[in-house]
Amino acid sequence: MSGSLNIAAAAIGVIVVAAACAAPPPSGPSMPSAPPPTLAAAAQRVDALIADAACRADDDCATIGFGWLACGGPQAWRAWSRRVTDPAALEQAVAAHRALRQQQIARSGEMSVCALVPDPGAFCEAAPGGAGQCRPRRGGRGGAAIR
């Protein structure tokens, strides 16, 4: 008899443990979730990484495609400084902004003309005192863009 009581007790223990594992977690105050990123916040992140785009020479400067057109390709090009900005971090921030922009286009059904916005390249615009700032070239002469 003692053996069958032990088996019955063990079976009841297994059932209780299984029921406890299958039960939903107790409800209580939930952790607030982070708000979804916005297009404006993603653009601010890119701007913060580019900062003042300080340079001493044209070789300090590069361009990166920014935004996204409904037909494909960047909306604009941003000049940035290799002296100031981490290229991998900038590429990641631009990619995050592009993904949000593509989601916006998909949700809204936005259409656009299929026009290529060429990479204008960048140069170091000298300022008084020797410090300069990377600027996009005018006239689309091409440049060193990270993709």
C-alpha atoms as a PDB file:
ATOM      1  CA  MET A   1       0.000   0.000   0.000  1.00  0.00           C
ATOM      2  CA  SER A   2       2.807   2.366   0.855  1.00  0.00           C
ATOM      3  CA  GLY A   3       4.216   2.060  -2.688  1.00  0.00           C
ATOM      4  CA  SER A   4       0.933   3.042  -4.327  1.00  0.00           C
ATOM      5  CA  LEU A   5       0.614   6.069  -2.000  1.00  0.00           C
ATOM      6  CA  ASN A   6       4.091   7.246  -3.045  1.00  0.00           C
ATOM      7  CA  ILE A   7       3.170   6.858  -6.732  1.00  0.00           C
ATOM      8  CA  ALA A   8      -0.106   8.741  -6.193  1.00  0.00           C
ATOM      9  CA  ALA A   9       1.681  11.533  -4.313  1.00  0.00           C
ATOM     10  CA  ALA A  10       4.310  11.788  -7.051  1.00  0.00           C
ATOM     11  CA  ALA A  11       1.601  11.952  -9.738  1.00  0.00           C
ATOM     12  CA  ILE A  12      -0.222  14.710  -7.875  1.00  0.00           C
ATOM     13  CA  GLY A  13       3.080  16.615  -7.534  1.00  0.00           C
ATOM     14  CA  VAL A  14       3.699  16.384 -11.282  1.00  0.00           C
ATOM     15  CA  ILE A  15       0.177  17.626 -12.033  1.00  0.00           C
ATOM     16  CA  VAL A  16       0.545  20.596  -9.643  1.00  0.00           C
ATOM     17  CA  VAL A  17       3.923  21.602 -11.138  1.00  0.00           C
ATOM     18  CA  ALA A  18       2.607  21.252 -14.700  1.00  0.00           C
ATOM     19  CA  ALA A  19      -0.445  23.374 -13.887  1.00  0.00           C
ATOM     20  CA  ALA A  20       1.723  26.070 -12.302  1.00  0.00           C
ATOM     21  CA  CYS A  21       3.971  26.203 -15.373  1.00  0.00           C
ATOM     22  CA  ALA A  22       1.006  26.469 -17.731  1.00  0.00           C
ATOM     23  CA  ALA A  23      -0.685  29.257 -15.777  1.00  0.00           C
ATOM     24  CA  PRO A  24      -0.323  32.793 -17.140  1.00  0.00           C
ATOM     25  CA  PRO A  25       2.031  35.039 -15.189  1.00  0.00           C
ATOM     26  CA  PRO A  26       0.372  37.040 -12.436  1.00  0.00           C
ATOM     27  CA  SER A  27      -0.824  40.406 -13.592  1.00  0.00           C
ATOM     28  CA  GLY A  28       0.627  43.483 -12.037  1.00  0.00           C
ATOM     29  CA  PRO A  29       2.159  46.747 -13.095  1.00  0.00           C
ATOM     30  CA  SER A  30       3.717  46.258 -16.514  1.00  0.00           C
ATOM     31  CA  MET A  31       6.970  47.752 -17.670  1.00  0.00           C
ATOM     32  CA  PRO A  32       6.369  50.668 -20.019  1.00  0.00           C
ATOM     33  CA  SER A  33       7.571  49.854 -23.497  1.00  0.00           C
ATOM     34  CA  ALA A  34       9.794  52.267 -25.358  1.00  0.00           C
ATOM     35  CA  PRO A  35       7.871  54.406 -27.819  1.00  0.00           C
ATOM     36  CA  PRO A  36       8.417  53.430 -31.438  1.00  0.00           C
ATOM     37  CA  PRO A  37      11.109  55.515 -33.132  1.00  0.00           C
ATOM     38  CA  THR A  38       9.893  58.402 -35.234  1.00  0.00           C
ATOM     39  CA  LEU A  39      11.234  59.693 -38.517  1.00  0.00           C
ATOM     40  CA  ALA A  40      12.063  63.015 -36.843  1.00  0.00           C
ATOM     41  CA  ALA A  41      13.982  61.307 -34.028  1.00  0.00           C
ATOM     42  CA  ALA A  42      15.912  59.214 -36.565  1.00  0.00           C
ATOM     43  CA  ALA A  43      16.805  62.367 -38.523  1.00  0.00           C
ATOM     44  CA  GLN A  44      17.955  64.059 -35.305  1.00  0.00           C
ATOM     45  CA  ARG A  45      20.218  61.057 -34.610  1.00  0.00           C
ATOM     46  CA  VAL A  46      21.833  61.469 -38.046  1.00  0.00           C
ATOM     47  CA  ASP A  47      22.243  65.215 -37.470  1.00  0.00           C
ATOM     48  CA  ALA A  48      23.835  64.588 -34.067  1.00  0.00           C
ATOM     49  CA  LEU A  49      26.356  62.165 -35.587  1.00  0.00           C
ATOM     50  CA  ILE A  50      27.269  64.589 -38.370  1.00  0.00           C
ATOM     51  CA  ALA A  51      27.522  67.420 -35.808  1.00  0.00           C
ATOM     52  CA  ASP A  52      29.401  70.418 -37.209  1.00  0.00           C
ATOM     53  CA  ALA A  53      31.263  68.320 -39.848  1.00  0.00           C
ATOM     54  CA  ALA A  54      34.580  69.983 -38.988  1.00  0.00           C
ATOM     55  CA  CYS A  55      37.352  69.618 -41.535  1.00  0.00           C
ATOM     56  CA  ARG A  56      40.790  70.879 -42.532  1.00  0.00           C
ATOM     57  CA  ALA A  57      40.854  69.600 -46.129  1.00  0.00           C
ATOM     58  CA  ASP A  58      38.523  68.205 -48.788  1.00  0.00           C
ATOM     59  CA  ASP A  59      39.757  64.668 -48.027  1.00  0.00           C
ATOM     60  CA  ASP A  60      38.176  64.966 -44.565  1.00  0.00           C
ATOM     61  CA  CYS A  61      34.741  65.196 -46.190  1.00  0.00           C
ATOM     62  CA  ALA A  62      32.354  62.607 -47.635  1.00  0.00           C
ATOM     63  CA  THR A  63      28.676  62.357 -48.510  1.00  0.00           C
ATOM     64  CA  ILE A  64      25.934  59.919 -47.605  1.00  0.00           C
ATOM     65  CA  GLY A  65      22.507  59.429 -49.183  1.00  0.00           C
ATOM     66  CA  PHE A  66      19.739  60.450 -46.783  1.00  0.00           C
ATOM     67  CA  GLY A  67      16.005  59.739 -46.787  1.00  0.00           C
ATOM     68  CA  TRP A  68      14.247  57.712 -49.452  1.00  0.00           C
ATOM     69  CA  LEU A  69      12.138  58.461 -52.510  1.00  0.00           C
ATOM     70  CA  ALA A  70       9.017  56.415 -53.197  1.00  0.00           C
ATOM     71  CA  CYS A  71      10.527  55.392 -56.542  1.00  0.00           C
ATOM     72  CA  GLY A  72      13.824  54.467 -54.836  1.00  0.00           C
ATOM     73  CA  GLY A  73      17.101  56.152 -54.013  1.00  0.00           C
ATOM     74  CA  PRO A  74      18.050  58.888 -51.555  1.00  0.00           C
ATOM     75  CA  GLN A  75      16.065  62.106 -51.254  1.00  0.00           C
ATOM     76  CA  ALA A  76      19.173  64.143 -50.561  1.00  0.00           C
ATOM     77  CA  TRP A  77      22.857  63.898 -49.747  1.00  0.00           C
ATOM     78  CA  ARG A  78      24.462  64.975 -46.489  1.00  0.00           C
ATOM     79  CA  ALA A  79      28.065  66.063 -46.172  1.00  0.00           C
ATOM     80  CA  TRP A  80      29.909  64.699 -43.136  1.00  0.00           C
ATOM     81  CA  SER A  81      33.431  64.731 -41.740  1.00  0.00           C
ATOM     82  CA  ARG A  82      35.643  61.677 -41.452  1.00  0.00           C
ATOM     83  CA  ARG A  83      37.460  63.551 -38.654  1.00  0.00           C
ATOM     84  CA  VAL A  84      34.326  63.895 -36.525  1.00  0.00           C
ATOM     85  CA  THR A  85      31.888  61.113 -37.398  1.00  0.00           C
ATOM     86  CA  ASP A  86      32.161  57.341 -36.987  1.00  0.00           C
ATOM     87  CA  PRO A  87      31.221  56.014 -40.455  1.00  0.00           C
ATOM     88  CA  ALA A  88      29.692  52.773 -39.144  1.00  0.00           C
ATOM     89  CA  ALA A  89      27.483  54.615 -36.644  1.00  0.00           C
ATOM     90  CA  LEU A  90      26.419  57.084 -39.332  1.00  0.00           C
ATOM     91  CA  GLU A  91      25.578  54.296 -41.785  1.00  0.00           C
ATOM     92  CA  GLN A  92      23.519  52.548 -39.106  1.00  0.00           C
ATOM     93  CA  ALA A  93      21.616  55.749 -38.241  1.00  0.00           C
ATOM     94  CA  VAL A  94      20.967  56.536 -41.917  1.00  0.00           C
ATOM     95  CA  ALA A  95      19.769  52.956 -42.507  1.00  0.00           C
ATOM     96  CA  ALA A  96      17.371  53.243 -39.541  1.00  0.00           C
ATOM     97  CA  HIS A  97      16.010  56.529 -40.925  1.00  0.00           C
ATOM     98  CA  ARG A  98      15.685  54.999 -44.407  1.00  0.00           C
ATOM     99  CA  ALA A  99      13.741  52.004 -43.017  1.00  0.00           C
ATOM    100  CA  LEU A 100      11.296  54.319 -41.219  1.00  0.00           C
ATOM    101  CA  ARG A 101      10.913  56.413 -44.374  1.00  0.00           C
ATOM    102  CA  GLN A 102      10.221  53.284 -46.447  1.00  0.00           C
ATOM    103  CA  GLN A 103       7.578  52.220 -43.899  1.00  0.00           C
ATOM    104  CA  GLN A 104       6.012  55.679 -44.147  1.00  0.00           C
ATOM    105  CA  ILE A 105       5.900  55.400 -47.948  1.00  0.00           C
ATOM    106  CA  ALA A 106       4.343  51.927 -47.779  1.00  0.00           C
ATOM    107  CA  ARG A 107       1.675  53.045 -45.261  1.00  0.00           C
ATOM    108  CA  SER A 108       0.706  56.182 -47.158  1.00  0.00           C
ATOM    109  CA  GLY A 109       0.941  54.816 -50.696  1.00  0.00           C
ATOM    110  CA  GLU A 110       3.114  57.804 -51.567  1.00  0.00           C
ATOM    111  CA  MET A 111       4.212  58.090 -55.190  1.00  0.00           C
ATOM    112  CA  SER A 112       7.045  60.107 -56.668  1.00  0.00           C
ATOM    113  CA  VAL A 113       8.673  60.774 -59.987  1.00  0.00           C
ATOM    114  CA  CYS A 114      11.522  58.420 -60.745  1.00  0.00           C
ATOM    115  CA  ALA A 115      14.397  60.859 -60.587  1.00  0.00           C
ATOM    116  CA  LEU A 116      17.971  60.162 -59.627  1.00  0.00           C
ATOM    117  CA  VAL A 117      19.392  62.523 -57.040  1.00  0.00           C
ATOM    118  CA  PRO A 118      23.114  62.342 -57.875  1.00  0.00           C
ATOM    119  CA  ASP A 119      25.808  62.351 -55.229  1.00  0.00           C
ATOM    120  CA  PRO A 120      27.229  65.890 -55.330  1.00  0.00           C
ATOM    121  CA  GLY A 121      30.393  65.021 -53.418  1.00  0.00           C
ATOM    122  CA  ALA A 122      31.659  67.159 -50.587  1.00  0.00           C
ATOM    123  CA  PHE A 123      34.346  69.737 -49.929  1.00  0.00           C
ATOM    124  CA  CYS A 124      35.807  71.526 -46.938  1.00  0.00           C
ATOM    125  CA  GLU A 125      34.543  75.087 -46.863  1.00  0.00           C
ATOM    126  CA  ALA A 126      37.227  77.127 -45.138  1.00  0.00           C
ATOM    127  CA  ALA A 127      36.287  79.505 -42.390  1.00  0.00           C
ATOM    128  CA  PRO A 128      38.276  82.278 -40.721  1.00  0.00           C
ATOM    129  CA  GLY A 129      40.857  80.833 -38.349  1.00  0.00           C
ATOM    130  CA  GLY A 130      41.591  77.733 -40.415  1.00  0.00           C
ATOM    131  CA  ALA A 131      38.645  75.602 -39.240  1.00  0.00           C
ATOM    132  CA  GLY A 132      36.297  74.434 -41.949  1.00  0.00           C
ATOM    133  CA  GLN A 133      33.003  72.652 -42.402  1.00  0.00           C
ATOM    134  CA  CYS A 134      32.131  69.883 -44.871  1.00  0.00           C
ATOM    135  CA  ARG A 135      29.547  71.003 -47.404  1.00  0.00           C
ATOM    136  CA  PRO A 136      27.944  69.261 -50.384  1.00  0.00           C
ATOM    137  CA  ARG A 137      29.290  70.421 -53.749  1.00  0.00           C
ATOM    138  CA  ARG A 138      27.017  72.188 -56.154  1.00  0.00           C
ATOM    139  CA  GLY A 139      26.705  70.757 -59.650  1.00  0.00           C
ATOM    140  CA  GLY A 140      27.009  67.021 -58.857  1.00  0.00           C
ATOM    141  CA  ARG A 141      30.713  66.367 -59.484  1.00  0.00           C
ATOM    142  CA  GLY A 142      30.495  63.077 -57.580  1.00  0.00           C
ATOM    143  CA  GLY A 143      32.193  62.213 -54.326  1.00  0.00           C
ATOM    144  CA  ALA A 144      33.124  59.635 -51.741  1.00  0.00           C
ATOM    145  CA  ALA A 145      29.842  58.322 -50.387  1.00  0.00           C
ATOM    146  CA  ILE A 146      29.498  55.444 -47.975  1.00  0.00           C
ATOM    147  CA  ARG A 147      26.762  53.045 -48.984  1.00  0.00           C
END
